[in-house]
PDB file of all heavy atoms in Angstrom:
ATOM      1  N   GLU A   1    -101.024 -28.956 185.563  1.00  0.00           N
ATOM      2  CA  GLU A   1    -100.303 -28.187 186.591  1.00  0.00           C
ATOM      3  C   GLU A   1    -100.139 -26.758 186.081  1.00  0.00           C
ATOM      4  O   GLU A   1     -99.901 -26.547 184.892  1.00  0.00           O
ATOM      5  CB  GLU A   1     -98.901 -28.772 186.807  1.00  0.00           C
ATOM      6  CG  GLU A   1     -98.859 -30.263 187.091  1.00  0.00           C
ATOM      7  CD  GLU A   1     -97.463 -30.836 186.839  1.00  0.00           C
ATOM      8  OE1 GLU A   1     -96.466 -30.218 187.276  1.00  0.00           O
ATOM      9  OE2 GLU A   1     -97.362 -31.883 186.182  1.00  0.00           O
ATOM     10  N   TYR A   2    -100.241 -25.800 186.973  1.00  0.00           N
ATOM     11  CA  TYR A   2    -100.051 -24.403 186.584  1.00  0.00           C
ATOM     12  C   TYR A   2     -99.054 -23.761 187.545  1.00  0.00           C
ATOM     13  O   TYR A   2     -99.180 -23.904 188.758  1.00  0.00           O
ATOM     14  CB  TYR A   2    -101.389 -23.660 186.576  1.00  0.00           C
ATOM     15  CG  TYR A   2    -102.329 -24.215 185.516  1.00  0.00           C
ATOM     16  CD1 TYR A   2    -103.158 -25.298 185.801  1.00  0.00           C
ATOM     17  CD2 TYR A   2    -102.345 -23.691 184.228  1.00  0.00           C
ATOM     18  CE1 TYR A   2    -103.993 -25.838 184.828  1.00  0.00           C
ATOM     19  CE2 TYR A   2    -103.180 -24.220 183.246  1.00  0.00           C
ATOM     20  CZ  TYR A   2    -103.996 -25.296 183.551  1.00  0.00           C
ATOM     21  OH  TYR A   2    -104.812 -25.845 182.588  1.00  0.00           O
ATOM     22  N   VAL A   3     -98.082 -23.103 186.974  1.00  0.00           N
ATOM     23  CA  VAL A   3     -97.018 -22.477 187.757  1.00  0.00           C
ATOM     24  C   VAL A   3     -96.892 -21.015 187.321  1.00  0.00           C
ATOM     25  O   VAL A   3     -97.366 -20.640 186.245  1.00  0.00           O
ATOM     26  CB  VAL A   3     -95.669 -23.200 187.550  1.00  0.00           C
ATOM     27  CG1 VAL A   3     -95.745 -24.640 188.053  1.00  0.00           C
ATOM     28  CG2 VAL A   3     -95.256 -23.190 186.077  1.00  0.00           C
ATOM     29  N   ALA A   4     -96.270 -20.213 188.165  1.00  0.00           N
ATOM     30  CA  ALA A   4     -96.074 -18.797 187.837  1.00  0.00           C
ATOM     31  C   ALA A   4     -94.586 -18.474 187.825  1.00  0.00           C
ATOM     32  O   ALA A   4     -93.822 -18.988 188.645  1.00  0.00           O
ATOM     33  CB  ALA A   4     -96.799 -17.922 188.859  1.00  0.00           C
ATOM     34  N   VAL A   5     -94.184 -17.640 186.873  1.00  0.00           N
ATOM     35  CA  VAL A   5     -92.789 -17.213 186.795  1.00  0.00           C
ATOM     36  C   VAL A   5     -92.717 -15.693 186.861  1.00  0.00           C
ATOM     37  O   VAL A   5     -93.675 -14.995 186.528  1.00  0.00           O
ATOM     38  CB  VAL A   5     -92.106 -17.719 185.495  1.00  0.00           C
ATOM     39  CG1 VAL A   5     -91.964 -19.232 185.508  1.00  0.00           C
ATOM     40  CG2 VAL A   5     -92.858 -17.257 184.251  1.00  0.00           C
ATOM     41  N   SER A   6     -91.569 -15.185 187.285  1.00  0.00           N
ATOM     42  CA  SER A   6     -91.387 -13.736 187.448  1.00  0.00           C
ATOM     43  C   SER A   6     -90.946 -13.092 186.143  1.00  0.00           C
ATOM     44  O   SER A   6     -90.443 -13.760 185.234  1.00  0.00           O
ATOM     45  CB  SER A   6     -90.324 -13.461 188.518  1.00  0.00           C
ATOM     46  OG  SER A   6     -89.047 -13.863 188.038  1.00  0.00           O
ATOM     47  N   LYS A   7     -91.100 -11.777 186.059  1.00  0.00           N
ATOM     48  CA  LYS A   7     -90.695 -11.080 184.833  1.00  0.00           C
ATOM     49  C   LYS A   7     -89.183 -11.167 184.622  1.00  0.00           C
ATOM     50  O   LYS A   7     -88.720 -11.187 183.474  1.00  0.00           O
ATOM     51  CB  LYS A   7     -91.172  -9.629 184.847  1.00  0.00           C
ATOM     52  CG  LYS A   7     -90.556  -8.729 185.899  1.00  0.00           C
ATOM     53  CD  LYS A   7     -91.134  -7.315 185.782  1.00  0.00           C
ATOM     54  CE  LYS A   7     -90.498  -6.396 186.799  1.00  0.00           C
ATOM     55  NZ  LYS A   7     -91.090  -5.036 186.749  1.00  0.00           N
ATOM     56  N   GLU A   8     -88.423 -11.267 185.717  1.00  0.00           N
ATOM     57  CA  GLU A   8     -86.968 -11.420 185.584  1.00  0.00           C
ATOM     58  C   GLU A   8     -86.620 -12.754 184.932  1.00  0.00           C
ATOM     59  O   GLU A   8     -85.744 -12.836 184.061  1.00  0.00           O
ATOM     60  CB  GLU A   8     -86.287 -11.320 186.956  1.00  0.00           C
ATOM     61  CG  GLU A   8     -86.327  -9.948 187.605  1.00  0.00           C
ATOM     62  CD  GLU A   8     -87.671  -9.584 188.224  1.00  0.00           C
ATOM     63  OE1 GLU A   8     -88.493 -10.501 188.481  1.00  0.00           O
ATOM     64  OE2 GLU A   8     -87.915  -8.373 188.438  1.00  0.00           O
ATOM     65  N   GLU A   9     -87.340 -13.813 185.341  1.00  0.00           N
ATOM     66  CA  GLU A   9     -87.125 -15.140 184.743  1.00  0.00           C
ATOM     67  C   GLU A   9     -87.527 -15.144 183.266  1.00  0.00           C
ATOM     68  O   GLU A   9     -86.881 -15.785 182.434  1.00  0.00           O
ATOM     69  CB  GLU A   9     -87.926 -16.188 185.512  1.00  0.00           C
ATOM     70  CG  GLU A   9     -87.368 -16.463 186.903  1.00  0.00           C
ATOM     71  CD  GLU A   9     -88.319 -17.252 187.796  1.00  0.00           C
ATOM     72  OE1 GLU A   9     -89.565 -17.111 187.652  1.00  0.00           O
ATOM     73  OE2 GLU A   9     -87.822 -18.003 188.653  1.00  0.00           O
ATOM     74  N   VAL A  10     -88.576 -14.401 182.951  1.00  0.00           N
ATOM     75  CA  VAL A  10     -89.058 -14.321 181.567  1.00  0.00           C
ATOM     76  C   VAL A  10     -88.045 -13.592 180.681  1.00  0.00           C
ATOM     77  O   VAL A  10     -87.733 -14.042 179.571  1.00  0.00           O
ATOM     78  CB  VAL A  10     -90.432 -13.613 181.516  1.00  0.00           C
ATOM     79  CG1 VAL A  10     -90.855 -13.320 180.094  1.00  0.00           C
ATOM     80  CG2 VAL A  10     -91.480 -14.475 182.220  1.00  0.00           C
ATOM     81  N   LEU A  11     -87.526 -12.472 181.159  1.00  0.00           N
ATOM     82  CA  LEU A  11     -86.529 -11.722 180.384  1.00  0.00           C
ATOM     83  C   LEU A  11     -85.261 -12.549 180.168  1.00  0.00           C
ATOM     84  O   LEU A  11     -84.653 -12.510 179.093  1.00  0.00           O
ATOM     85  CB  LEU A  11     -86.185 -10.404 181.092  1.00  0.00           C
ATOM     86  CG  LEU A  11     -87.240  -9.301 180.987  1.00  0.00           C
ATOM     87  CD1 LEU A  11     -86.898  -8.136 181.906  1.00  0.00           C
ATOM     88  CD2 LEU A  11     -87.378  -8.811 179.542  1.00  0.00           C
ATOM     89  N   GLU A  12     -84.890 -13.322 181.178  1.00  0.00           N
ATOM     90  CA  GLU A  12     -83.724 -14.204 181.054  1.00  0.00           C
ATOM     91  C   GLU A  12     -83.980 -15.266 179.986  1.00  0.00           C
ATOM     92  O   GLU A  12     -83.132 -15.528 179.127  1.00  0.00           O
ATOM     93  CB  GLU A  12     -83.432 -14.866 182.414  1.00  0.00           C
ATOM     94  CG  GLU A  12     -82.286 -15.881 182.410  1.00  0.00           C
ATOM     95  CD  GLU A  12     -80.922 -15.266 182.113  1.00  0.00           C
ATOM     96  OE1 GLU A  12     -80.768 -14.037 182.214  1.00  0.00           O
ATOM     97  OE2 GLU A  12     -80.007 -16.044 181.767  1.00  0.00           O
ATOM     98  N   ALA A  13     -85.163 -15.871 180.022  1.00  0.00           N
ATOM     99  CA  ALA A  13     -85.510 -16.909 179.048  1.00  0.00           C
ATOM    100  C   ALA A  13     -85.556 -16.346 177.622  1.00  0.00           C
ATOM    101  O   ALA A  13     -85.128 -17.004 176.665  1.00  0.00           O
ATOM    102  CB  ALA A  13     -86.863 -17.529 179.412  1.00  0.00           C
ATOM    103  N   PHE A  14     -86.077 -15.139 177.480  1.00  0.00           N
ATOM    104  CA  PHE A  14     -86.140 -14.448 176.180  1.00  0.00           C
ATOM    105  C   PHE A  14     -84.736 -14.384 175.565  1.00  0.00           C
ATOM    106  O   PHE A  14     -84.533 -14.656 174.375  1.00  0.00           O
ATOM    107  CB  PHE A  14     -86.702 -13.046 176.414  1.00  0.00           C
ATOM    108  CG  PHE A  14     -86.875 -12.191 175.180  1.00  0.00           C
ATOM    109  CD1 PHE A  14     -88.069 -12.204 174.474  1.00  0.00           C
ATOM    110  CD2 PHE A  14     -85.861 -11.346 174.752  1.00  0.00           C
ATOM    111  CE1 PHE A  14     -88.248 -11.391 173.345  1.00  0.00           C
ATOM    112  CE2 PHE A  14     -86.026 -10.534 173.637  1.00  0.00           C
ATOM    113  CZ  PHE A  14     -87.217 -10.564 172.928  1.00  0.00           C
ATOM    114  N   GLN A  15     -83.753 -14.046 176.414  1.00  0.00           N
ATOM    115  CA  GLN A  15     -82.376 -13.912 175.940  1.00  0.00           C
ATOM    116  C   GLN A  15     -81.699 -15.269 175.733  1.00  0.00           C
ATOM    117  O   GLN A  15     -80.959 -15.463 174.761  1.00  0.00           O
ATOM    118  CB  GLN A  15     -81.571 -13.078 176.945  1.00  0.00           C
ATOM    119  CG  GLN A  15     -82.066 -11.645 177.060  1.00  0.00           C
ATOM    120  CD  GLN A  15     -81.419 -10.906 178.224  1.00  0.00           C
ATOM    121  OE1 GLN A  15     -80.307 -10.388 178.082  1.00  0.00           O
ATOM    122  NE2 GLN A  15     -82.092 -10.867 179.361  1.00  0.00           N
ATOM    123  N   VAL A  16     -81.980 -16.209 176.627  1.00  0.00           N
ATOM    124  CA  VAL A  16     -81.335 -17.530 176.539  1.00  0.00           C
ATOM    125  C   VAL A  16     -81.731 -18.244 175.255  1.00  0.00           C
ATOM    126  O   VAL A  16     -80.874 -18.786 174.533  1.00  0.00           O
ATOM    127  CB  VAL A  16     -81.682 -18.404 177.773  1.00  0.00           C
ATOM    128  CG1 VAL A  16     -81.300 -19.864 177.533  1.00  0.00           C
ATOM    129  CG2 VAL A  16     -80.962 -17.874 179.005  1.00  0.00           C
ATOM    130  N   LEU A  17     -83.030 -18.276 174.931  1.00  0.00           N
ATOM    131  CA  LEU A  17     -83.457 -18.965 173.703  1.00  0.00           C
ATOM    132  C   LEU A  17     -82.893 -18.258 172.470  1.00  0.00           C
ATOM    133  O   LEU A  17     -82.465 -18.910 171.509  1.00  0.00           O
ATOM    134  CB  LEU A  17     -84.980 -19.038 173.621  1.00  0.00           C
ATOM    135  CG  LEU A  17     -85.509 -19.898 172.452  1.00  0.00           C
ATOM    136  CD1 LEU A  17     -85.039 -21.340 172.567  1.00  0.00           C
ATOM    137  CD2 LEU A  17     -87.022 -19.848 172.371  1.00  0.00           C
ATOM    138  N   SER A  18     -82.852 -16.935 172.516  1.00  0.00           N
ATOM    139  CA  SER A  18     -82.289 -16.169 171.391  1.00  0.00           C
ATOM    140  C   SER A  18     -80.826 -16.538 171.162  1.00  0.00           C
ATOM    141  O   SER A  18     -80.401 -16.774 170.023  1.00  0.00           O
ATOM    142  CB  SER A  18     -82.405 -14.666 171.661  1.00  0.00           C
ATOM    143  OG  SER A  18     -83.756 -14.274 171.824  1.00  0.00           O
ATOM    144  N   LYS A  19     -80.069 -16.628 172.249  1.00  0.00           N
ATOM    145  CA  LYS A  19     -78.619 -16.855 172.131  1.00  0.00           C
ATOM    146  C   LYS A  19     -78.247 -18.310 171.885  1.00  0.00           C
ATOM    147  O   LYS A  19     -77.204 -18.586 171.290  1.00  0.00           O
ATOM    148  CB  LYS A  19     -77.917 -16.339 173.391  1.00  0.00           C
ATOM    149  CG  LYS A  19     -77.891 -14.819 173.458  1.00  0.00           C
ATOM    150  CD  LYS A  19     -77.391 -14.299 174.793  1.00  0.00           C
ATOM    151  CE  LYS A  19     -77.427 -12.777 174.796  1.00  0.00           C
ATOM    152  NZ  LYS A  19     -77.190 -12.198 176.123  1.00  0.00           N
ATOM    153  N   THR A  20     -79.072 -19.251 172.358  1.00  0.00           N
ATOM    154  CA  THR A  20     -78.717 -20.666 172.183  1.00  0.00           C
ATOM    155  C   THR A  20     -79.258 -21.255 170.887  1.00  0.00           C
ATOM    156  O   THR A  20     -78.624 -22.126 170.286  1.00  0.00           O
ATOM    157  CB  THR A  20     -79.234 -21.540 173.345  1.00  0.00           C
ATOM    158  OG1 THR A  20     -80.638 -21.354 173.483  1.00  0.00           O
ATOM    159  CG2 THR A  20     -78.529 -21.218 174.645  1.00  0.00           C
ATOM    160  N   GLU A  21     -80.424 -20.795 170.437  1.00  0.00           N
ATOM    161  CA  GLU A  21     -81.055 -21.423 169.266  1.00  0.00           C
ATOM    162  C   GLU A  21     -81.293 -20.457 168.103  1.00  0.00           C
ATOM    163  O   GLU A  21     -81.768 -20.874 167.052  1.00  0.00           O
ATOM    164  CB  GLU A  21     -82.404 -22.054 169.674  1.00  0.00           C
ATOM    165  CG  GLU A  21     -82.286 -23.191 170.664  1.00  0.00           C
ATOM    166  CD  GLU A  21     -81.610 -24.434 170.077  1.00  0.00           C
ATOM    167  OE1 GLU A  21     -81.560 -24.562 168.836  1.00  0.00           O
ATOM    168  OE2 GLU A  21     -81.127 -25.271 170.862  1.00  0.00           O
ATOM    169  N   GLY A  22     -80.993 -19.161 168.306  1.00  0.00           N
ATOM    170  CA  GLY A  22     -81.262 -18.207 167.233  1.00  0.00           C
ATOM    171  C   GLY A  22     -82.749 -18.015 166.995  1.00  0.00           C
ATOM    172  O   GLY A  22     -83.184 -17.685 165.898  1.00  0.00           O
ATOM    173  N   ILE A  23     -83.547 -18.221 168.044  1.00  0.00           N
ATOM    174  CA  ILE A  23     -85.000 -18.047 167.959  1.00  0.00           C
ATOM    175  C   ILE A  23     -85.406 -17.012 169.007  1.00  0.00           C
ATOM    176  O   ILE A  23     -85.215 -17.233 170.211  1.00  0.00           O
ATOM    177  CB  ILE A  23     -85.737 -19.379 168.232  1.00  0.00           C
ATOM    178  CG1 ILE A  23     -85.384 -20.416 167.160  1.00  0.00           C
ATOM    179  CG2 ILE A  23     -87.246 -19.164 168.298  1.00  0.00           C
ATOM    180  CD1 ILE A  23     -85.842 -21.827 167.493  1.00  0.00           C
ATOM    181  N   ILE A  24     -85.936 -15.873 168.543  1.00  0.00           N
ATOM    182  CA  ILE A  24     -86.383 -14.832 169.474  1.00  0.00           C
ATOM    183  C   ILE A  24     -87.868 -15.063 169.743  1.00  0.00           C
ATOM    184  O   ILE A  24     -88.696 -14.877 168.854  1.00  0.00           O
ATOM    185  CB  ILE A  24     -86.156 -13.422 168.892  1.00  0.00           C
ATOM    186  CG1 ILE A  24     -84.671 -13.220 168.544  1.00  0.00           C
ATOM    187  CG2 ILE A  24     -86.624 -12.353 169.882  1.00  0.00           C
ATOM    188  CD1 ILE A  24     -84.376 -11.913 167.824  1.00  0.00           C
ATOM    189  N   PRO A  25     -88.206 -15.495 170.966  1.00  0.00           N
ATOM    190  CA  PRO A  25     -89.607 -15.824 171.257  1.00  0.00           C
ATOM    191  C   PRO A  25     -90.390 -14.596 171.710  1.00  0.00           C
ATOM    192  O   PRO A  25     -89.821 -13.630 172.226  1.00  0.00           O
ATOM    193  CB  PRO A  25     -89.488 -16.816 172.413  1.00  0.00           C
ATOM    194  CG  PRO A  25     -88.266 -16.331 173.167  1.00  0.00           C
ATOM    195  CD  PRO A  25     -87.331 -15.759 172.129  1.00  0.00           C
ATOM    196  N   ALA A  26     -91.699 -14.631 171.526  1.00  0.00           N
ATOM    197  CA  ALA A  26     -92.557 -13.597 172.111  1.00  0.00           C
ATOM    198  C   ALA A  26     -92.399 -13.612 173.626  1.00  0.00           C
ATOM    199  O   ALA A  26     -92.060 -14.651 174.209  1.00  0.00           O
ATOM    200  CB  ALA A  26     -94.015 -13.858 171.735  1.00  0.00           C
ATOM    201  N   LEU A  27     -92.652 -12.489 174.272  1.00  0.00           N
ATOM    202  CA  LEU A  27     -92.589 -12.443 175.738  1.00  0.00           C
ATOM    203  C   LEU A  27     -93.588 -13.425 176.351  1.00  0.00           C
ATOM    204  O   LEU A  27     -93.325 -14.025 177.399  1.00  0.00           O
ATOM    205  CB  LEU A  27     -92.853 -11.030 176.255  1.00  0.00           C
ATOM    206  CG  LEU A  27     -91.655 -10.068 176.189  1.00  0.00           C
ATOM    207  CD1 LEU A  27     -92.089  -8.654 176.540  1.00  0.00           C
ATOM    208  CD2 LEU A  27     -90.517 -10.523 177.096  1.00  0.00           C
ATOM    209  N   GLU A  28     -94.740 -13.604 175.682  1.00  0.00           N
ATOM    210  CA  GLU A  28     -95.710 -14.585 176.171  1.00  0.00           C
ATOM    211  C   GLU A  28     -95.063 -15.971 176.191  1.00  0.00           C
ATOM    212  O   GLU A  28     -95.031 -16.657 177.216  1.00  0.00           O
ATOM    213  CB  GLU A  28     -96.965 -14.591 175.266  1.00  0.00           C
ATOM    214  CG  GLU A  28     -97.840 -13.362 175.387  1.00  0.00           C
ATOM    215  CD  GLU A  28     -97.306 -12.139 174.654  1.00  0.00           C
ATOM    216  OE1 GLU A  28     -96.354 -12.280 173.848  1.00  0.00           O
ATOM    217  OE2 GLU A  28     -97.828 -11.035 174.887  1.00  0.00           O
ATOM    218  N   SER A  29     -94.515 -16.388 175.052  1.00  0.00           N
ATOM    219  CA  SER A  29     -93.885 -17.709 174.928  1.00  0.00           C
ATOM    220  C   SER A  29     -92.695 -17.859 175.874  1.00  0.00           C
ATOM    221  O   SER A  29     -92.382 -18.970 176.320  1.00  0.00           O
ATOM    222  CB  SER A  29     -93.397 -17.934 173.493  1.00  0.00           C
ATOM    223  OG  SER A  29     -94.352 -17.529 172.548  1.00  0.00           O
ATOM    224  N   SER A  30     -92.027 -16.765 176.165  1.00  0.00           N
ATOM    225  CA  SER A  30     -90.851 -16.799 177.048  1.00  0.00           C
ATOM    226  C   SER A  30     -91.209 -17.278 178.450  1.00  0.00           C
ATOM    227  O   SER A  30     -90.343 -17.770 179.182  1.00  0.00           O
ATOM    228  CB  SER A  30     -90.198 -15.410 177.122  1.00  0.00           C
ATOM    229  OG  SER A  30     -89.773 -14.997 175.842  1.00  0.00           O
ATOM    230  N   HIS A  31     -92.494 -17.152 178.832  1.00  0.00           N
ATOM    231  CA  HIS A  31     -92.928 -17.698 180.127  1.00  0.00           C
ATOM    232  C   HIS A  31     -92.795 -19.218 180.125  1.00  0.00           C
ATOM    233  O   HIS A  31     -92.328 -19.816 181.099  1.00  0.00           O
ATOM    234  CB  HIS A  31     -94.385 -17.300 180.417  1.00  0.00           C
ATOM    235  CG  HIS A  31     -94.555 -15.868 180.813  1.00  0.00           C
ATOM    236  ND1 HIS A  31     -94.374 -14.826 179.933  1.00  0.00           N
ATOM    237  CD2 HIS A  31     -94.892 -15.297 182.015  1.00  0.00           C
ATOM    238  CE1 HIS A  31     -94.585 -13.673 180.566  1.00  0.00           C
ATOM    239  NE2 HIS A  31     -94.904 -13.935 181.824  1.00  0.00           N
ATOM    240  N   ALA A  32     -93.202 -19.844 179.020  1.00  0.00           N
ATOM    241  CA  ALA A  32     -93.085 -21.303 178.910  1.00  0.00           C
ATOM    242  C   ALA A  32     -91.618 -21.722 178.874  1.00  0.00           C
ATOM    243  O   ALA A  32     -91.216 -22.709 179.514  1.00  0.00           O
ATOM    244  CB  ALA A  32     -93.806 -21.790 177.654  1.00  0.00           C
ATOM    245  N   VAL A  33     -90.808 -20.963 178.143  1.00  0.00           N
ATOM    246  CA  VAL A  33     -89.368 -21.257 178.069  1.00  0.00           C
ATOM    247  C   VAL A  33     -88.742 -21.144 179.459  1.00  0.00           C
ATOM    248  O   VAL A  33     -87.924 -21.978 179.866  1.00  0.00           O
ATOM    249  CB  VAL A  33     -88.660 -20.301 177.076  1.00  0.00           C
ATOM    250  CG1 VAL A  33     -87.144 -20.548 177.074  1.00  0.00           C
ATOM    251  CG2 VAL A  33     -89.224 -20.464 175.667  1.00  0.00           C
ATOM    252  N   ALA A  34     -89.142 -20.104 180.206  1.00  0.00           N
ATOM    253  CA  ALA A  34     -88.577 -19.885 181.549  1.00  0.00           C
ATOM    254  C   ALA A  34     -88.790 -21.097 182.439  1.00  0.00           C
ATOM    255  O   ALA A  34     -87.877 -21.519 183.172  1.00  0.00           O
ATOM    256  CB  ALA A  34     -89.213 -18.640 182.182  1.00  0.00           C
ATOM    257  N   TYR A  35     -89.994 -21.680 182.389  1.00  0.00           N
ATOM    258  CA  TYR A  35     -90.232 -22.856 183.238  1.00  0.00           C
ATOM    259  C   TYR A  35     -89.509 -24.088 182.715  1.00  0.00           C
ATOM    260  O   TYR A  35     -89.026 -24.912 183.496  1.00  0.00           O
ATOM    261  CB  TYR A  35     -91.723 -23.136 183.403  1.00  0.00           C
ATOM    262  CG  TYR A  35     -91.952 -24.174 184.481  1.00  0.00           C
ATOM    263  CD1 TYR A  35     -91.695 -23.864 185.817  1.00  0.00           C
ATOM    264  CD2 TYR A  35     -92.343 -25.474 184.170  1.00  0.00           C
ATOM    265  CE1 TYR A  35     -91.853 -24.822 186.812  1.00  0.00           C
ATOM    266  CE2 TYR A  35     -92.509 -26.432 185.158  1.00  0.00           C
ATOM    267  CZ  TYR A  35     -92.254 -26.099 186.471  1.00  0.00           C
ATOM    268  OH  TYR A  35     -92.386 -27.048 187.466  1.00  0.00           O
ATOM    269  N   ALA A  36     -89.389 -24.207 181.404  1.00  0.00           N
ATOM    270  CA  ALA A  36     -88.642 -25.338 180.825  1.00  0.00           C
ATOM    271  C   ALA A  36     -87.186 -25.304 181.276  1.00  0.00           C
ATOM    272  O   ALA A  36     -86.587 -26.355 181.549  1.00  0.00           O
ATOM    273  CB  ALA A  36     -88.725 -25.294 179.303  1.00  0.00           C
ATOM    274  N   LEU A  37     -86.619 -24.094 181.396  1.00  0.00           N
ATOM    275  CA  LEU A  37     -85.234 -23.963 181.871  1.00  0.00           C
ATOM    276  C   LEU A  37     -85.084 -24.475 183.297  1.00  0.00           C
ATOM    277  O   LEU A  37     -84.030 -24.990 183.679  1.00  0.00           O
ATOM    278  CB  LEU A  37     -84.782 -22.497 181.804  1.00  0.00           C
ATOM    279  CG  LEU A  37     -84.703 -21.828 180.423  1.00  0.00           C
ATOM    280  CD1 LEU A  37     -84.259 -20.384 180.551  1.00  0.00           C
ATOM    281  CD2 LEU A  37     -83.783 -22.594 179.499  1.00  0.00           C
ATOM    282  N   GLN A  38     -86.146 -24.334 184.091  1.00  0.00           N
ATOM    283  CA  GLN A  38     -86.113 -24.825 185.479  1.00  0.00           C
ATOM    284  C   GLN A  38     -86.363 -26.333 185.544  1.00  0.00           C
ATOM    285  O   GLN A  38     -85.740 -27.043 186.332  1.00  0.00           O
ATOM    286  CB  GLN A  38     -87.179 -24.114 186.313  1.00  0.00           C
ATOM    287  CG  GLN A  38     -86.978 -22.614 186.454  1.00  0.00           C
ATOM    288  CD  GLN A  38     -88.174 -21.937 187.120  1.00  0.00           C
ATOM    289  OE1 GLN A  38     -88.870 -22.529 187.946  1.00  0.00           O
ATOM    290  NE2 GLN A  38     -88.425 -20.682 186.767  1.00  0.00           N
ATOM    291  N   LEU A  39     -87.292 -26.816 184.708  1.00  0.00           N
ATOM    292  CA  LEU A  39     -87.706 -28.217 184.796  1.00  0.00           C
ATOM    293  C   LEU A  39     -86.723 -29.186 184.153  1.00  0.00           C
ATOM    294  O   LEU A  39     -86.430 -30.248 184.727  1.00  0.00           O
ATOM    295  CB  LEU A  39     -89.090 -28.370 184.138  1.00  0.00           C
ATOM    296  CG  LEU A  39     -89.700 -29.776 184.161  1.00  0.00           C
ATOM    297  CD1 LEU A  39     -89.935 -30.254 185.596  1.00  0.00           C
ATOM    298  CD2 LEU A  39     -91.008 -29.808 183.360  1.00  0.00           C
ATOM    299  N   ALA A  40     -86.215 -28.848 182.977  1.00  0.00           N
ATOM    300  CA  ALA A  40     -85.379 -29.785 182.215  1.00  0.00           C
ATOM    301  C   ALA A  40     -84.213 -30.371 183.030  1.00  0.00           C
ATOM    302  O   ALA A  40     -83.990 -31.590 183.009  1.00  0.00           O
ATOM    303  CB  ALA A  40     -84.863 -29.111 180.943  1.00  0.00           C
ATOM    304  N   PRO A  41     -83.456 -29.546 183.785  1.00  0.00           N
ATOM    305  CA  PRO A  41     -82.310 -30.102 184.520  1.00  0.00           C
ATOM    306  C   PRO A  41     -82.702 -31.098 185.617  1.00  0.00           C
ATOM    307  O   PRO A  41     -81.856 -31.878 186.076  1.00  0.00           O
ATOM    308  CB  PRO A  41     -81.648 -28.862 185.150  1.00  0.00           C
ATOM    309  CG  PRO A  41     -82.176 -27.695 184.397  1.00  0.00           C
ATOM    310  CD  PRO A  41     -83.536 -28.084 183.943  1.00  0.00           C
ATOM    311  N   THR A  42     -83.967 -31.086 186.033  1.00  0.00           N
ATOM    312  CA  THR A  42     -84.409 -31.993 187.114  1.00  0.00           C
ATOM    313  C   THR A  42     -84.849 -33.355 186.581  1.00  0.00           C
ATOM    314  O   THR A  42     -85.166 -34.251 187.361  1.00  0.00           O
ATOM    315  CB  THR A  42     -85.591 -31.382 187.904  1.00  0.00           C
ATOM    316  OG1 THR A  42     -86.764 -31.381 187.073  1.00  0.00           O
ATOM    317  CG2 THR A  42     -85.287 -29.965 188.356  1.00  0.00           C
ATOM    318  N   LEU A  43     -84.899 -33.494 185.248  1.00  0.00           N
ATOM    319  CA  LEU A  43     -85.381 -34.730 184.635  1.00  0.00           C
ATOM    320  C   LEU A  43     -84.237 -35.511 183.992  1.00  0.00           C
ATOM    321  O   LEU A  43     -83.174 -34.959 183.716  1.00  0.00           O
ATOM    322  CB  LEU A  43     -86.450 -34.408 183.576  1.00  0.00           C
ATOM    323  CG  LEU A  43     -87.682 -33.645 184.075  1.00  0.00           C
ATOM    324  CD1 LEU A  43     -88.559 -33.234 182.897  1.00  0.00           C
ATOM    325  CD2 LEU A  43     -88.479 -34.478 185.069  1.00  0.00           C
ATOM    326  N   SER A  44     -84.484 -36.774 183.712  1.00  0.00           N
ATOM    327  CA  SER A  44     -83.449 -37.618 183.093  1.00  0.00           C
ATOM    328  C   SER A  44     -83.310 -37.284 181.615  1.00  0.00           C
ATOM    329  O   SER A  44     -84.192 -36.645 181.016  1.00  0.00           O
ATOM    330  CB  SER A  44     -83.818 -39.097 183.233  1.00  0.00           C
ATOM    331  OG  SER A  44     -84.828 -39.423 182.296  1.00  0.00           O
ATOM    332  N   LYS A  45     -82.228 -37.770 181.006  1.00  0.00           N
ATOM    333  CA  LYS A  45     -81.990 -37.527 179.582  1.00  0.00           C
ATOM    334  C   LYS A  45     -82.980 -38.296 178.710  1.00  0.00           C
ATOM    335  O   LYS A  45     -83.072 -38.039 177.511  1.00  0.00           O
ATOM    336  CB  LYS A  45     -80.558 -37.898 179.222  1.00  0.00           C
ATOM    337  CG  LYS A  45     -79.556 -36.952 179.871  1.00  0.00           C
ATOM    338  CD  LYS A  45     -78.166 -37.119 179.333  1.00  0.00           C
ATOM    339  CE  LYS A  45     -77.252 -36.041 179.925  1.00  0.00           C
ATOM    340  NZ  LYS A  45     -75.884 -36.095 179.433  1.00  0.00           N
TER     341      LYS A  45
END
């Protein structure tokens, strides 16, 4: 599956991972993080 995310979602993900895990991701990687932030809450534990 391939999905697209916006630059606003990417910048948000860049900051969220930095603040929650102390890991500053590349902007490229932040695209993957951005979608994980959307997908994770829709799935079971």
